[in-house]
PDB file of N, CA and C in Angstrom:
ATOM      1  N   UNK A   1      31.995 253.810-169.609  1.00  0.00           N
ATOM      2  CA  UNK A   1      30.553 253.192-169.875  1.00  0.00           C
ATOM      3  C   UNK A   1      29.160 253.816-169.704  1.00  0.00           C
ATOM      4  N   UNK A   2      28.518 253.498-170.352  1.00  0.00           N
ATOM      5  CA  UNK A   2      27.113 254.273-170.294  1.00  0.00           C
ATOM      6  C   UNK A   2      26.403 253.529-169.227  1.00  0.00           C
ATOM      7  N   UNK A   3      25.556 254.363-168.547  1.00  0.00           N
ATOM      8  CA  UNK A   3      24.634 253.789-167.251  1.00  0.00           C
ATOM      9  C   UNK A   3      23.862 252.412-168.031  1.00  0.00           C
ATOM     10  N   UNK A   4      23.162 252.605-168.983  1.00  0.00           N
ATOM     11  CA  UNK A   4      22.415 251.783-169.769  1.00  0.00           C
ATOM     12  C   UNK A   4      23.280 250.303-169.754  1.00  0.00           C
ATOM     13  N   UNK A   5      24.321 250.336-170.112  1.00  0.00           N
ATOM     14  CA  UNK A   5      25.318 249.264-170.362  1.00  0.00           C
ATOM     15  C   UNK A   5      25.630 248.798-168.847  1.00  0.00           C
ATOM     16  N   UNK A   6      25.772 249.572-167.728  1.00  0.00           N
ATOM     17  CA  UNK A   6      25.738 248.754-166.497  1.00  0.00           C
ATOM     18  C   UNK A   6      24.630 248.330-166.359  1.00  0.00           C
ATOM     19  N   UNK A   7      23.294 248.588-166.462  1.00  0.00           N
ATOM     20  CA  UNK A   7      22.135 248.017-166.256  1.00  0.00           C
ATOM     21  C   UNK A   7      22.076 246.565-166.854  1.00  0.00           C
ATOM     22  N   UNK A   8      22.273 246.798-167.937  1.00  0.00           N
ATOM     23  CA  UNK A   8      22.420 245.504-168.950  1.00  0.00           C
ATOM     24  C   UNK A   8      23.519 244.107-168.261  1.00  0.00           C
ATOM     25  N   UNK A   9      24.214 244.847-168.070  1.00  0.00           N
ATOM     26  CA  UNK A   9      25.607 244.006-167.377  1.00  0.00           C
ATOM     27  C   UNK A   9      24.910 243.388-166.120  1.00  0.00           C
ATOM     28  N   UNK A  10      24.131 244.167-165.393  1.00  0.00           N
ATOM     29  CA  UNK A  10      23.653 243.684-164.054  1.00  0.00           C
ATOM     30  C   UNK A  10      22.481 242.914-164.165  1.00  0.00           C
ATOM     31  N   UNK A  11      21.714 242.971-165.255  1.00  0.00           N
ATOM     32  CA  UNK A  11      20.481 241.939-165.512  1.00  0.00           C
ATOM     33  C   UNK A  11      20.890 240.798-166.127  1.00  0.00           C
ATOM     34  N   UNK A  12      22.006 240.693-166.821  1.00  0.00           N
ATOM     35  CA  UNK A  12      22.631 239.783-167.440  1.00  0.00           C
ATOM     36  C   UNK A  12      23.089 238.575-166.502  1.00  0.00           C
ATOM     37  N   UNK A  13      23.876 239.249-165.270  1.00  0.00           N
ATOM     38  CA  UNK A  13      24.417 238.409-164.431  1.00  0.00           C
ATOM     39  C   UNK A  13      23.544 238.287-163.288  1.00  0.00           C
ATOM     40  N   UNK A  14      22.576 238.896-162.684  1.00  0.00           N
ATOM     41  CA  UNK A  14      21.425 238.870-161.971  1.00  0.00           C
ATOM     42  C   UNK A  14      20.365 237.537-162.445  1.00  0.00           C
ATOM     43  N   UNK A  15      19.721 237.953-163.571  1.00  0.00           N
ATOM     44  CA  UNK A  15      18.891 236.912-164.157  1.00  0.00           C
ATOM     45  C   UNK A  15      17.902 237.828-164.210  1.00  0.00           C
ATOM     46  N   UNK A  16      16.640 237.358-164.812  1.00  0.00           N
ATOM     47  CA  UNK A  16      15.395 237.670-164.990  1.00  0.00           C
ATOM     48  C   UNK A  16      14.556 237.764-163.726  1.00  0.00           C
ATOM     49  N   UNK A  17      14.156 238.593-163.228  1.00  0.00           N
ATOM     50  CA  UNK A  17      12.832 238.551-162.254  1.00  0.00           C
ATOM     51  C   UNK A  17      12.076 237.740-162.493  1.00  0.00           C
ATOM     52  N   UNK A  18      11.694 237.257-161.409  1.00  0.00           N
ATOM     53  CA  UNK A  18      10.544 236.402-161.225  1.00  0.00           C
ATOM     54  C   UNK A  18       9.121 236.854-161.408  1.00  0.00           C
ATOM     55  N   UNK A  19       8.428 236.510-162.124  1.00  0.00           N
ATOM     56  CA  UNK A  19       7.120 237.239-162.329  1.00  0.00           C
ATOM     57  C   UNK A  19       6.091 236.336-162.009  1.00  0.00           C
ATOM     58  N   UNK A  20       6.252 235.295-161.391  1.00  0.00           N
ATOM     59  CA  UNK A  20       5.380 234.180-160.839  1.00  0.00           C
ATOM     60  C   UNK A  20       4.158 234.921-159.924  1.00  0.00           C
ATOM     61  N   UNK A  21       3.150 234.061-159.808  1.00  0.00           N
ATOM     62  CA  UNK A  21       2.366 235.059-159.029  1.00  0.00           C
ATOM     63  C   UNK A  21       2.674 234.799-157.521  1.00  0.00           C
ATOM     64  N   UNK A  22       3.643 234.215-156.706  1.00  0.00           N
ATOM     65  CA  UNK A  22       3.769 234.114-155.814  1.00  0.00           C
ATOM     66  C   UNK A  22       5.032 235.007-155.453  1.00  0.00           C
ATOM     67  N   UNK A  23       6.000 235.160-156.646  1.00  0.00           N
ATOM     68  CA  UNK A  23       6.993 236.533-156.367  1.00  0.00           C
ATOM     69  C   UNK A  23       6.249 237.699-156.366  1.00  0.00           C
ATOM     70  N   UNK A  24       5.393 238.134-157.026  1.00  0.00           N
ATOM     71  CA  UNK A  24       4.439 239.345-157.397  1.00  0.00           C
ATOM     72  C   UNK A  24       3.815 239.501-155.601  1.00  0.00           C
ATOM     73  N   UNK A  25       3.068 238.398-155.295  1.00  0.00           N
ATOM     74  CA  UNK A  25       2.337 238.108-153.958  1.00  0.00           C
ATOM     75  C   UNK A  25       3.383 238.709-152.791  1.00  0.00           C
ATOM     76  N   UNK A  26       4.395 238.241-152.770  1.00  0.00           N
ATOM     77  CA  UNK A  26       5.303 238.115-151.494  1.00  0.00           C
ATOM     78  C   UNK A  26       5.712 239.670-151.071  1.00  0.00           C
ATOM     79  N   UNK A  27       6.029 240.502-151.996  1.00  0.00           N
ATOM     80  CA  UNK A  27       6.117 241.901-151.105  1.00  0.00           C
ATOM     81  C   UNK A  27       5.160 242.742-151.095  1.00  0.00           C
ATOM     82  N   UNK A  28       3.875 242.206-151.482  1.00  0.00           N
ATOM     83  CA  UNK A  28       2.656 242.557-150.883  1.00  0.00           C
ATOM     84  C   UNK A  28       2.463 242.210-149.516  1.00  0.00           C
ATOM     85  N   UNK A  29       2.474 241.189-149.107  1.00  0.00           N
ATOM     86  CA  UNK A  29       2.578 240.249-147.970  1.00  0.00           C
ATOM     87  C   UNK A  29       3.318 241.194-146.895  1.00  0.00           C
ATOM     88  N   UNK A  30       4.814 241.344-147.177  1.00  0.00           N
ATOM     89  CA  UNK A  30       5.518 241.888-146.251  1.00  0.00           C
ATOM     90  C   UNK A  30       5.122 243.475-145.967  1.00  0.00           C
ATOM     91  N   UNK A  31       4.647 243.967-146.861  1.00  0.00           N
ATOM     92  CA  UNK A  31       3.960 245.405-146.776  1.00  0.00           C
ATOM     93  C   UNK A  31       3.261 245.274-145.985  1.00  0.00           C
ATOM     94  N   UNK A  32       2.231 244.477-146.167  1.00  0.00           N
ATOM     95  CA  UNK A  32       0.780 244.622-145.270  1.00  0.00           C
ATOM     96  C   UNK A  32       1.399 244.103-143.782  1.00  0.00           C
ATOM     97  N   UNK A  33       2.005 243.329-143.673  1.00  0.00           N
ATOM     98  CA  UNK A  33       2.745 242.915-142.420  1.00  0.00           C
ATOM     99  C   UNK A  33       3.499 244.451-141.941  1.00  0.00           C
ATOM    100  N   UNK A  34       4.019 244.464-142.523  1.00  0.00           N
ATOM    101  CA  UNK A  34       4.837 245.699-141.851  1.00  0.00           C
ATOM    102  C   UNK A  34       3.499 247.194-141.474  1.00  0.00           C
ATOM    103  N   UNK A  35       2.852 247.422-142.459  1.00  0.00           N
ATOM    104  CA  UNK A  35       1.453 248.289-142.140  1.00  0.00           C
ATOM    105  C   UNK A  35       0.575 247.924-140.903  1.00  0.00           C
ATOM    106  N   UNK A  36       0.530 246.578-140.528  1.00  0.00           N
ATOM    107  CA  UNK A  36      -0.382 246.201-139.334  1.00  0.00           C
ATOM    108  C   UNK A  36       0.601 246.434-138.221  1.00  0.00           C
ATOM    109  N   UNK A  37       1.914 246.195-138.316  1.00  0.00           N
ATOM    110  CA  UNK A  37       2.880 246.502-137.319  1.00  0.00           C
ATOM    111  C   UNK A  37       2.724 248.098-136.789  1.00  0.00           C
ATOM    112  N   UNK A  38       2.592 248.985-137.842  1.00  0.00           N
ATOM    113  CA  UNK A  38       2.311 250.290-137.724  1.00  0.00           C
ATOM    114  C   UNK A  38       1.175 250.717-137.111  1.00  0.00           C
ATOM    115  N   UNK A  39       0.007 250.075-137.746  1.00  0.00           N
ATOM    116  CA  UNK A  39      -1.374 250.200-137.034  1.00  0.00           C
ATOM    117  C   UNK A  39      -1.466 249.942-135.662  1.00  0.00           C
ATOM    118  N   UNK A  40      -0.655 248.735-135.190  1.00  0.00           N
ATOM    119  CA  UNK A  40      -0.752 248.702-133.760  1.00  0.00           C
ATOM    120  C   UNK A  40       0.131 249.539-132.797  1.00  0.00           C
ATOM    121  N   UNK A  41       1.214 249.955-133.391  1.00  0.00           N
ATOM    122  CA  UNK A  41       2.039 251.339-132.911  1.00  0.00           C
ATOM    123  C   UNK A  41       1.022 252.609-132.644  1.00  0.00           C
ATOM    124  N   UNK A  42       0.455 252.816-133.674  1.00  0.00           N
ATOM    125  CA  UNK A  42      -0.382 253.992-133.966  1.00  0.00           C
ATOM    126  C   UNK A  42      -1.763 253.831-132.743  1.00  0.00           C
ATOM    127  N   UNK A  43      -2.179 252.740-132.630  1.00  0.00           N
ATOM    128  CA  UNK A  43      -3.112 252.447-131.560  1.00  0.00           C
ATOM    129  C   UNK A  43      -2.720 252.307-130.259  1.00  0.00           C
ATOM    130  N   UNK A  44      -1.395 251.817-130.115  1.00  0.00           N
ATOM    131  CA  UNK A  44      -0.755 251.986-128.725  1.00  0.00           C
ATOM    132  C   UNK A  44      -0.679 253.297-128.354  1.00  0.00           C
ATOM    133  N   UNK A  45      -0.158 254.206-129.050  1.00  0.00           N
ATOM    134  CA  UNK A  45      -0.042 255.506-128.916  1.00  0.00           C
ATOM    135  C   UNK A  45      -1.458 256.318-128.896  1.00  0.00           C
ATOM    136  N   UNK A  46      -2.403 255.923-129.128  1.00  0.00           N
ATOM    137  CA  UNK A  46      -3.708 256.479-128.838  1.00  0.00           C
ATOM    138  C   UNK A  46      -3.954 257.364-130.175  1.00  0.00           C
ATOM    139  N   UNK A  47      -3.404 256.965-131.504  1.00  0.00           N
ATOM    140  CA  UNK A  47      -3.709 258.006-132.451  1.00  0.00           C
ATOM    141  C   UNK A  47      -4.700 257.475-133.426  1.00  0.00           C
ATOM    142  N   UNK A  48      -5.684 257.434-132.678  1.00  0.00           N
ATOM    143  CA  UNK A  48      -6.762 256.816-133.889  1.00  0.00           C
ATOM    144  C   UNK A  48      -7.205 257.198-135.111  1.00  0.00           C
ATOM    145  N   UNK A  49      -6.640 258.467-135.619  1.00  0.00           N
ATOM    146  CA  UNK A  49      -6.852 259.216-136.715  1.00  0.00           C
ATOM    147  C   UNK A  49      -5.717 258.458-137.678  1.00  0.00           C
ATOM    148  N   UNK A  50      -4.763 258.277-137.078  1.00  0.00           N
ATOM    149  CA  UNK A  50      -3.804 257.583-137.841  1.00  0.00           C
ATOM    150  C   UNK A  50      -4.039 256.060-138.075  1.00  0.00           C
ATOM    151  N   UNK A  51      -4.722 255.640-137.314  1.00  0.00           N
ATOM    152  CA  UNK A  51      -5.318 254.117-137.415  1.00  0.00           C
ATOM    153  C   UNK A  51      -6.018 254.278-138.283  1.00  0.00           C
ATOM    154  N   UNK A  52      -7.015 254.739-138.459  1.00  0.00           N
ATOM    155  CA  UNK A  52      -8.232 254.951-139.436  1.00  0.00           C
ATOM    156  C   UNK A  52      -7.489 254.892-141.087  1.00  0.00           C
ATOM    157  N   UNK A  53      -6.315 255.954-141.311  1.00  0.00           N
ATOM    158  CA  UNK A  53      -5.656 256.429-142.202  1.00  0.00           C
ATOM    159  C   UNK A  53      -5.173 255.040-142.902  1.00  0.00           C
ATOM    160  N   UNK A  54      -4.867 254.008-142.053  1.00  0.00           N
ATOM    161  CA  UNK A  54      -3.690 253.100-142.354  1.00  0.00           C
ATOM    162  C   UNK A  54      -4.629 252.038-143.299  1.00  0.00           C
ATOM    163  N   UNK A  55      -6.009 251.993-143.118  1.00  0.00           N
ATOM    164  CA  UNK A  55      -6.500 251.285-143.774  1.00  0.00           C
ATOM    165  C   UNK A  55      -6.694 250.947-144.938  1.00  0.00           C
ATOM    166  N   UNK A  56      -6.809 252.441-145.539  1.00  0.00           N
ATOM    167  CA  UNK A  56      -6.348 252.889-147.176  1.00  0.00           C
ATOM    168  C   UNK A  56      -4.987 252.302-147.781  1.00  0.00           C
ATOM    169  N   UNK A  57      -3.823 252.342-146.839  1.00  0.00           N
ATOM    170  CA  UNK A  57      -2.557 251.978-147.053  1.00  0.00           C
ATOM    171  C   UNK A  57      -3.000 250.539-147.354  1.00  0.00           C
ATOM    172  N   UNK A  58      -3.531 249.793-146.498  1.00  0.00           N
ATOM    173  CA  UNK A  58      -3.349 248.471-146.501  1.00  0.00           C
ATOM    174  C   UNK A  58      -4.159 247.806-147.842  1.00  0.00           C
ATOM    175  N   UNK A  59      -5.289 248.437-147.585  1.00  0.00           N
ATOM    176  CA  UNK A  59      -6.127 248.142-149.082  1.00  0.00           C
ATOM    177  C   UNK A  59      -5.141 248.071-150.253  1.00  0.00           C
ATOM    178  N   UNK A  60      -3.970 248.994-150.351  1.00  0.00           N
ATOM    179  CA  UNK A  60      -3.125 249.226-151.284  1.00  0.00           C
ATOM    180  C   UNK A  60      -2.228 247.954-151.539  1.00  0.00           C
ATOM    181  N   UNK A  61      -2.270 246.908-150.544  1.00  0.00           N
ATOM    182  CA  UNK A  61      -1.474 245.916-150.486  1.00  0.00           C
ATOM    183  C   UNK A  61      -2.424 244.728-151.140  1.00  0.00           C
ATOM    184  N   UNK A  62      -3.548 244.953-151.614  1.00  0.00           N
ATOM    185  CA  UNK A  62      -4.332 243.695-151.887  1.00  0.00           C
ATOM    186  C   UNK A  62      -4.026 243.374-153.054  1.00  0.00           C
ATOM    187  N   UNK A  63      -3.947 242.209-153.663  1.00  0.00           N
ATOM    188  CA  UNK A  63      -3.806 241.855-154.983  1.00  0.00           C
ATOM    189  C   UNK A  63      -4.740 242.575-155.950  1.00  0.00           C
ATOM    190  N   UNK A  64      -4.344 242.884-157.042  1.00  0.00           N
ATOM    191  CA  UNK A  64      -5.389 243.306-158.102  1.00  0.00           C
ATOM    192  C   UNK A  64      -5.833 242.555-158.722  1.00  0.00           C
TER     193      UNK A  64
END
């Protein structure tokens, strides 16, 4: 069985991905939450340079 056949069978059983606004927003929210936790840990460790870097990563989580 070719790899493409396996993928097609998976999506046939799993169903189509939800492309609603909420479904698109949800992983961005969780990524931002994760980055916030990382930012707090960097602050706790006194890594001001790494805290500054986190702002760019956080901006990447905003809706387009």
